[in-house]
PDB file of N, CA and C in Angstrom:
ATOM      1  N   MET A   1      -6.665  -2.400 -49.211  1.00  0.00           N
ATOM      2  CA  MET A   1      -7.333  -1.483 -48.735  1.00  0.00           C
ATOM      3  C   MET A   1      -6.966  -0.845 -47.300  1.00  0.00           C
ATOM      4  N   THR A   2      -6.646   0.201 -47.144  1.00  0.00           N
ATOM      5  CA  THR A   2      -6.179   0.945 -45.907  1.00  0.00           C
ATOM      6  C   THR A   2      -7.466   1.123 -44.380  1.00  0.00           C
ATOM      7  N   ALA A   3      -7.441   1.150 -43.654  1.00  0.00           N
ATOM      8  CA  ALA A   3      -8.610   2.139 -42.806  1.00  0.00           C
ATOM      9  C   ALA A   3      -9.431   1.685 -43.018  1.00  0.00           C
ATOM     10  N   ALA A   4      -8.966   3.011 -43.559  1.00  0.00           N
ATOM     11  CA  ALA A   4      -9.937   4.471 -43.943  1.00  0.00           C
ATOM     12  C   ALA A   4     -10.540   4.249 -45.663  1.00  0.00           C
ATOM     13  N   GLY A   5     -10.017   3.291 -46.115  1.00  0.00           N
ATOM     14  CA  GLY A   5     -11.306   2.373 -47.315  1.00  0.00           C
ATOM     15  C   GLY A   5     -10.362   2.546 -48.266  1.00  0.00           C
ATOM     16  N   GLU A   6      -8.519   3.087 -48.844  1.00  0.00           N
ATOM     17  CA  GLU A   6      -8.181   3.474 -49.307  1.00  0.00           C
ATOM     18  C   GLU A   6      -7.501   2.436 -49.839  1.00  0.00           C
ATOM     19  N   ASP A   7      -6.796   3.009 -51.024  1.00  0.00           N
ATOM     20  CA  ASP A   7      -6.273   1.753 -51.627  1.00  0.00           C
ATOM     21  C   ASP A   7      -4.628   1.774 -51.327  1.00  0.00           C
ATOM     22  N   GLN A   8      -4.271   0.143 -50.541  1.00  0.00           N
ATOM     23  CA  GLN A   8      -2.753   0.190 -49.525  1.00  0.00           C
ATOM     24  C   GLN A   8      -2.333   0.328 -50.767  1.00  0.00           C
ATOM     25  N   ALA A   9      -0.815   1.394 -50.470  1.00  0.00           N
ATOM     26  CA  ALA A   9       0.036   1.358 -51.485  1.00  0.00           C
ATOM     27  C   ALA A   9       1.367   0.807 -51.190  1.00  0.00           C
ATOM     28  N   ASN A  10       1.546   0.219 -49.592  1.00  0.00           N
ATOM     29  CA  ASN A  10       1.749  -0.614 -49.068  1.00  0.00           C
ATOM     30  C   ASN A  10       2.437  -1.817 -49.459  1.00  0.00           C
ATOM     31  N   ALA A  11       2.774  -2.919 -50.341  1.00  0.00           N
ATOM     32  CA  ALA A  11       2.327  -4.151 -50.389  1.00  0.00           C
ATOM     33  C   ALA A  11       2.490  -4.772 -49.941  1.00  0.00           C
ATOM     34  N   ARG A  12       3.161  -4.793 -48.334  1.00  0.00           N
ATOM     35  CA  ARG A  12       3.140  -5.680 -47.198  1.00  0.00           C
ATOM     36  C   ARG A  12       2.303  -5.545 -46.713  1.00  0.00           C
ATOM     37  N   ARG A  13       1.841  -4.067 -46.614  1.00  0.00           N
ATOM     38  CA  ARG A  13       0.093  -4.257 -46.043  1.00  0.00           C
ATOM     39  C   ARG A  13      -1.237  -4.835 -46.586  1.00  0.00           C
ATOM     40  N   ARG A  14      -1.400  -5.387 -47.773  1.00  0.00           N
ATOM     41  CA  ARG A  14      -2.127  -5.442 -48.542  1.00  0.00           C
ATOM     42  C   ARG A  14      -3.068  -7.028 -47.957  1.00  0.00           C
ATOM     43  N   PHE A  15      -2.038  -7.512 -47.075  1.00  0.00           N
ATOM     44  CA  PHE A  15      -2.499  -8.764 -46.792  1.00  0.00           C
ATOM     45  C   PHE A  15      -3.628  -8.808 -44.863  1.00  0.00           C
ATOM     46  N   LEU A  16      -4.152 -10.097 -44.390  1.00  0.00           N
ATOM     47  CA  LEU A  16      -4.772 -10.075 -43.175  1.00  0.00           C
ATOM     48  C   LEU A  16      -3.674 -10.154 -42.397  1.00  0.00           C
ATOM     49  N   VAL A  17      -3.886  -9.658 -41.351  1.00  0.00           N
ATOM     50  CA  VAL A  17      -3.544 -10.174 -40.157  1.00  0.00           C
ATOM     51  C   VAL A  17      -4.069 -11.444 -38.944  1.00  0.00           C
ATOM     52  N   VAL A  18      -3.714 -12.256 -38.968  1.00  0.00           N
ATOM     53  CA  VAL A  18      -4.008 -13.241 -37.772  1.00  0.00           C
ATOM     54  C   VAL A  18      -4.321 -12.192 -36.032  1.00  0.00           C
ATOM     55  N   ASP A  19      -4.995 -12.142 -35.699  1.00  0.00           N
ATOM     56  CA  ASP A  19      -5.029 -11.751 -34.182  1.00  0.00           C
ATOM     57  C   ASP A  19      -5.270 -12.597 -32.870  1.00  0.00           C
ATOM     58  N   HIS A  20      -5.348 -12.258 -31.819  1.00  0.00           N
ATOM     59  CA  HIS A  20      -5.724 -13.072 -30.906  1.00  0.00           C
ATOM     60  C   HIS A  20      -6.864 -12.095 -30.377  1.00  0.00           C
ATOM     61  N   VAL A  21      -8.365 -12.093 -30.528  1.00  0.00           N
ATOM     62  CA  VAL A  21      -9.115 -12.108 -29.679  1.00  0.00           C
ATOM     63  C   VAL A  21      -8.650 -11.219 -28.380  1.00  0.00           C
ATOM     64  N   ILE A  22      -8.982 -12.474 -27.872  1.00  0.00           N
ATOM     65  CA  ILE A  22      -8.543 -12.797 -26.420  1.00  0.00           C
ATOM     66  C   ILE A  22      -7.289 -12.616 -25.859  1.00  0.00           C
ATOM     67  N   PRO A  23      -6.318 -11.385 -26.071  1.00  0.00           N
ATOM     68  CA  PRO A  23      -4.831 -11.373 -25.527  1.00  0.00           C
ATOM     69  C   PRO A  23      -4.063 -12.484 -24.789  1.00  0.00           C
ATOM     70  N   HIS A  24      -2.987 -13.486 -25.375  1.00  0.00           N
ATOM     71  CA  HIS A  24      -2.549 -14.677 -24.862  1.00  0.00           C
ATOM     72  C   HIS A  24      -1.753 -13.755 -23.839  1.00  0.00           C
ATOM     73  N   ARG A  25      -1.229 -13.445 -23.731  1.00  0.00           N
ATOM     74  CA  ARG A  25       0.116 -13.123 -22.762  1.00  0.00           C
ATOM     75  C   ARG A  25       0.839 -14.199 -22.304  1.00  0.00           C
ATOM     76  N   GLY A  26       1.564 -15.096 -23.162  1.00  0.00           N
ATOM     77  CA  GLY A  26       2.239 -16.141 -22.897  1.00  0.00           C
ATOM     78  C   GLY A  26       1.438 -17.244 -22.697  1.00  0.00           C
ATOM     79  N   ASP A  27      -0.046 -17.203 -22.749  1.00  0.00           N
ATOM     80  CA  ASP A  27      -0.716 -18.458 -22.276  1.00  0.00           C
ATOM     81  C   ASP A  27      -1.305 -18.969 -23.393  1.00  0.00           C
ATOM     82  N   LEU A  28      -0.103 -21.001 -23.559  1.00  0.00           N
ATOM     83  CA  LEU A  28      -0.307 -21.179 -24.923  1.00  0.00           C
ATOM     84  C   LEU A  28      -1.401 -21.921 -25.347  1.00  0.00           C
ATOM     85  N   GLY A  29      -2.041 -21.562 -24.352  1.00  0.00           N
ATOM     86  CA  GLY A  29      -3.976 -22.544 -24.479  1.00  0.00           C
ATOM     87  C   GLY A  29      -4.735 -21.791 -25.540  1.00  0.00           C
ATOM     88  N   LEU A  30      -4.303 -19.954 -24.347  1.00  0.00           N
ATOM     89  CA  LEU A  30      -5.613 -19.292 -25.442  1.00  0.00           C
ATOM     90  C   LEU A  30      -4.211 -18.686 -26.680  1.00  0.00           C
ATOM     91  N   PHE A  31      -3.431 -19.005 -27.567  1.00  0.00           N
ATOM     92  CA  PHE A  31      -2.456 -18.367 -28.692  1.00  0.00           C
ATOM     93  C   PHE A  31      -2.940 -19.544 -29.052  1.00  0.00           C
ATOM     94  N   LEU A  32      -2.535 -21.027 -29.259  1.00  0.00           N
ATOM     95  CA  LEU A  32      -3.100 -21.635 -30.227  1.00  0.00           C
ATOM     96  C   LEU A  32      -4.588 -22.067 -30.045  1.00  0.00           C
ATOM     97  N   ASP A  33      -5.474 -21.470 -29.512  1.00  0.00           N
ATOM     98  CA  ASP A  33      -6.671 -21.959 -29.489  1.00  0.00           C
ATOM     99  C   ASP A  33      -7.608 -21.205 -30.888  1.00  0.00           C
ATOM    100  N   PRO A  34      -8.099 -21.896 -31.830  1.00  0.00           N
ATOM    101  CA  PRO A  34      -8.641 -21.233 -33.161  1.00  0.00           C
ATOM    102  C   PRO A  34      -9.654 -20.616 -32.960  1.00  0.00           C
ATOM    103  N   ALA A  35     -10.519 -21.085 -31.895  1.00  0.00           N
ATOM    104  CA  ALA A  35     -11.475 -19.738 -31.683  1.00  0.00           C
ATOM    105  C   ALA A  35     -11.314 -18.594 -31.185  1.00  0.00           C
ATOM    106  N   ASN A  36     -10.112 -18.179 -30.763  1.00  0.00           N
ATOM    107  CA  ASN A  36      -9.629 -16.967 -29.750  1.00  0.00           C
ATOM    108  C   ASN A  36      -8.740 -16.170 -31.489  1.00  0.00           C
ATOM    109  N   LEU A  37      -9.215 -17.025 -32.507  1.00  0.00           N
ATOM    110  CA  LEU A  37      -7.780 -15.846 -33.803  1.00  0.00           C
ATOM    111  C   LEU A  37      -9.596 -15.222 -34.288  1.00  0.00           C
ATOM    112  N   GLN A  38      -8.762 -14.177 -34.788  1.00  0.00           N
ATOM    113  CA  GLN A  38      -9.894 -13.325 -36.168  1.00  0.00           C
ATOM    114  C   GLN A  38      -8.838 -12.477 -37.049  1.00  0.00           C
ATOM    115  N   THR A  39      -9.597 -12.504 -37.964  1.00  0.00           N
ATOM    116  CA  THR A  39      -8.253 -11.576 -39.128  1.00  0.00           C
ATOM    117  C   THR A  39      -8.416 -10.757 -39.350  1.00  0.00           C
ATOM    118  N   LEU A  40      -8.018  -9.319 -39.469  1.00  0.00           N
ATOM    119  CA  LEU A  40      -8.136  -8.043 -39.041  1.00  0.00           C
ATOM    120  C   LEU A  40      -7.424  -7.477 -40.760  1.00  0.00           C
ATOM    121  N   CYS A  41      -7.458  -6.148 -40.864  1.00  0.00           N
ATOM    122  CA  CYS A  41      -6.169  -5.505 -42.100  1.00  0.00           C
ATOM    123  C   CYS A  41      -5.348  -5.175 -41.198  1.00  0.00           C
ATOM    124  N   PRO A  42      -3.835  -4.804 -41.675  1.00  0.00           N
ATOM    125  CA  PRO A  42      -2.759  -4.409 -40.348  1.00  0.00           C
ATOM    126  C   PRO A  42      -2.889  -2.680 -39.947  1.00  0.00           C
ATOM    127  N   ASP A  43      -4.114  -2.001 -40.744  1.00  0.00           N
ATOM    128  CA  ASP A  43      -3.978  -0.640 -39.931  1.00  0.00           C
ATOM    129  C   ASP A  43      -4.930  -0.748 -39.020  1.00  0.00           C
ATOM    130  N   ASP A  44      -5.994  -2.091 -39.166  1.00  0.00           N
ATOM    131  CA  ASP A  44      -6.965  -2.256 -37.610  1.00  0.00           C
ATOM    132  C   ASP A  44      -5.536  -2.455 -36.643  1.00  0.00           C
ATOM    133  N   HIS A  45      -5.464  -3.965 -37.049  1.00  0.00           N
ATOM    134  CA  HIS A  45      -4.188  -4.242 -35.792  1.00  0.00           C
ATOM    135  C   HIS A  45      -3.681  -3.020 -35.112  1.00  0.00           C
ATOM    136  N   ASP A  46      -2.790  -2.457 -36.132  1.00  0.00           N
ATOM    137  CA  ASP A  46      -1.371  -2.105 -35.789  1.00  0.00           C
ATOM    138  C   ASP A  46      -1.802  -0.656 -34.448  1.00  0.00           C
ATOM    139  N   GLN A  47      -3.355  -0.255 -35.416  1.00  0.00           N
ATOM    140  CA  GLN A  47      -2.869   1.047 -34.825  1.00  0.00           C
ATOM    141  C   GLN A  47      -4.486   0.414 -33.714  1.00  0.00           C
ATOM    142  N   ASN A  48      -5.896   0.602 -33.596  1.00  0.00           N
ATOM    143  CA  ASN A  48      -7.011   0.518 -33.132  1.00  0.00           C
ATOM    144  C   ASN A  48      -6.757  -0.933 -31.799  1.00  0.00           C
ATOM    145  N   LYS A  49      -6.917  -1.868 -32.474  1.00  0.00           N
ATOM    146  CA  LYS A  49      -6.632  -2.934 -31.711  1.00  0.00           C
ATOM    147  C   LYS A  49      -5.461  -2.993 -30.482  1.00  0.00           C
ATOM    148  N   GLN A  50      -4.174  -2.664 -31.074  1.00  0.00           N
ATOM    149  CA  GLN A  50      -3.267  -2.215 -29.893  1.00  0.00           C
ATOM    150  C   GLN A  50      -3.434  -1.282 -28.955  1.00  0.00           C
ATOM    151  N   ARG A  51      -4.197   0.278 -29.721  1.00  0.00           N
ATOM    152  CA  ARG A  51      -4.125   0.885 -28.542  1.00  0.00           C
ATOM    153  C   ARG A  51      -5.540   0.389 -27.895  1.00  0.00           C
ATOM    154  N   LEU A  52      -6.258  -0.114 -28.238  1.00  0.00           N
ATOM    155  CA  LEU A  52      -7.554  -1.544 -27.544  1.00  0.00           C
ATOM    156  C   LEU A  52      -6.832  -1.644 -25.696  1.00  0.00           C
ATOM    157  N   GLU A  53      -5.714  -2.979 -26.405  1.00  0.00           N
ATOM    158  CA  GLU A  53      -5.152  -3.738 -25.480  1.00  0.00           C
ATOM    159  C   GLU A  53      -3.915  -2.136 -24.830  1.00  0.00           C
ATOM    160  N   ALA A  54      -3.451  -1.696 -25.422  1.00  0.00           N
ATOM    161  CA  ALA A  54      -2.639  -0.724 -24.198  1.00  0.00           C
ATOM    162  C   ALA A  54      -3.554   0.415 -23.499  1.00  0.00           C
ATOM    163  N   ARG A  55      -4.288   0.657 -23.663  1.00  0.00           N
ATOM    164  CA  ARG A  55      -4.984   1.142 -22.575  1.00  0.00           C
ATOM    165  C   ARG A  55      -6.487   0.431 -22.338  1.00  0.00           C
ATOM    166  N   GLY A  56      -6.950  -0.472 -22.103  1.00  0.00           N
ATOM    167  CA  GLY A  56      -7.301  -1.608 -22.057  1.00  0.00           C
ATOM    168  C   GLY A  56      -9.135  -0.680 -22.073  1.00  0.00           C
ATOM    169  N   TYR A  57      -9.612  -0.087 -23.048  1.00  0.00           N
ATOM    170  CA  TYR A  57     -10.564  -0.079 -23.270  1.00  0.00           C
ATOM    171  C   TYR A  57     -11.016   0.662 -24.968  1.00  0.00           C
ATOM    172  N   SER A  58     -11.553   0.686 -25.444  1.00  0.00           N
ATOM    173  CA  SER A  58     -12.308   1.218 -26.345  1.00  0.00           C
ATOM    174  C   SER A  58     -12.656   2.532 -26.423  1.00  0.00           C
ATOM    175  N   GLN A  59     -12.317   3.313 -27.644  1.00  0.00           N
ATOM    176  CA  GLN A  59     -12.626   4.815 -27.303  1.00  0.00           C
ATOM    177  C   GLN A  59     -13.722   4.559 -28.838  1.00  0.00           C
ATOM    178  N   GLU A  60     -14.494   3.589 -29.123  1.00  0.00           N
ATOM    179  CA  GLU A  60     -15.043   4.047 -29.959  1.00  0.00           C
ATOM    180  C   GLU A  60     -16.182   4.128 -29.234  1.00  0.00           C
ATOM    181  N   ARG A  61     -16.939   5.385 -29.979  1.00  0.00           N
ATOM    182  CA  ARG A  61     -18.244   6.395 -29.446  1.00  0.00           C
ATOM    183  C   ARG A  61     -19.561   5.308 -29.963  1.00  0.00           C
ATOM    184  N   GLY A  62     -20.739   6.296 -29.301  1.00  0.00           N
ATOM    185  CA  GLY A  62     -22.747   5.454 -30.256  1.00  0.00           C
ATOM    186  C   GLY A  62     -22.768   6.725 -30.791  1.00  0.00           C
ATOM    187  N   ALA A  63     -24.100   6.917 -30.800  1.00  0.00           N
ATOM    188  CA  ALA A  63     -24.154   7.766 -32.179  1.00  0.00           C
ATOM    189  C   ALA A  63     -24.692   9.036 -30.943  1.00  0.00           C
ATOM    190  N   ASP A  64     -24.428   9.013 -30.299  1.00  0.00           N
ATOM    191  CA  ASP A  64     -24.850  10.618 -29.217  1.00  0.00           C
ATOM    192  C   ASP A  64     -23.753  10.904 -29.088  1.00  0.00           C
ATOM    193  N   GLY A  65     -22.644   9.772 -29.102  1.00  0.00           N
ATOM    194  CA  GLY A  65     -20.897  10.804 -29.129  1.00  0.00           C
ATOM    195  C   GLY A  65     -20.538  10.115 -27.756  1.00  0.00           C
ATOM    196  N   TRP A  66     -21.087   9.208 -26.958  1.00  0.00           N
ATOM    197  CA  TRP A  66     -20.712   9.049 -25.776  1.00  0.00           C
ATOM    198  C   TRP A  66     -19.941   7.607 -25.481  1.00  0.00           C
ATOM    199  N   PRO A  67     -18.793   7.678 -25.205  1.00  0.00           N
ATOM    200  CA  PRO A  67     -18.143   5.823 -24.898  1.00  0.00           C
ATOM    201  C   PRO A  67     -19.201   5.027 -24.502  1.00  0.00           C
ATOM    202  N   ILE A  68     -18.818   3.829 -25.628  1.00  0.00           N
ATOM    203  CA  ILE A  68     -19.938   2.634 -25.490  1.00  0.00           C
ATOM    204  C   ILE A  68     -19.062   1.476 -24.955  1.00  0.00           C
ATOM    205  N   ASP A  69     -17.906   1.001 -24.718  1.00  0.00           N
ATOM    206  CA  ASP A  69     -17.366   0.611 -23.756  1.00  0.00           C
ATOM    207  C   ASP A  69     -17.510   0.562 -22.262  1.00  0.00           C
ATOM    208  N   PRO A  70     -17.802  -0.528 -21.723  1.00  0.00           N
ATOM    209  CA  PRO A  70     -18.301  -0.236 -19.873  1.00  0.00           C
ATOM    210  C   PRO A  70     -16.663  -0.282 -19.438  1.00  0.00           C
ATOM    211  N   GLN A  71     -15.414  -0.284 -19.729  1.00  0.00           N
ATOM    212  CA  GLN A  71     -15.130   0.126 -19.144  1.00  0.00           C
ATOM    213  C   GLN A  71     -14.268   1.070 -19.910  1.00  0.00           C
ATOM    214  N   HIS A  72     -13.911   2.151 -20.405  1.00  0.00           N
ATOM    215  CA  HIS A  72     -14.042   3.371 -20.649  1.00  0.00           C
ATOM    216  C   HIS A  72     -14.008   4.297 -19.032  1.00  0.00           C
ATOM    217  N   PRO A  73     -13.059   5.058 -19.000  1.00  0.00           N
ATOM    218  CA  PRO A  73     -13.541   5.478 -17.904  1.00  0.00           C
ATOM    219  C   PRO A  73     -14.288   6.821 -17.366  1.00  0.00           C
ATOM    220  N   ALA A  74     -14.973   7.192 -18.465  1.00  0.00           N
ATOM    221  CA  ALA A  74     -16.555   7.915 -19.027  1.00  0.00           C
ATOM    222  C   ALA A  74     -17.396   7.051 -18.083  1.00  0.00           C
ATOM    223  N   ASN A  75     -17.586   5.603 -18.466  1.00  0.00           N
ATOM    224  CA  ASN A  75     -18.634   5.264 -18.038  1.00  0.00           C
ATOM    225  C   ASN A  75     -17.731   4.142 -16.209  1.00  0.00           C
ATOM    226  N   ARG A  76     -17.950   4.882 -15.939  1.00  0.00           N
ATOM    227  CA  ARG A  76     -17.784   3.791 -15.028  1.00  0.00           C
ATOM    228  C   ARG A  76     -17.981   4.973 -13.316  1.00  0.00           C
TER     229      ARG A  76
END
């Protein structure tokens, strides 16, 4: 499945990706900590998670349309 809920046409993207909840940035302790791991579909990892790490905040919005992440510039 894709992040949109459609069947994944690319066979290489049908598997889950292991992701670090807190980016390790070279910290071996965070890199090896099993409590810091989660699985994501490749689309979510390659699009949403990497965008979050690059920006430093989530674009996710609440029911009112306002960003829910306290780090979002609109909430500062």
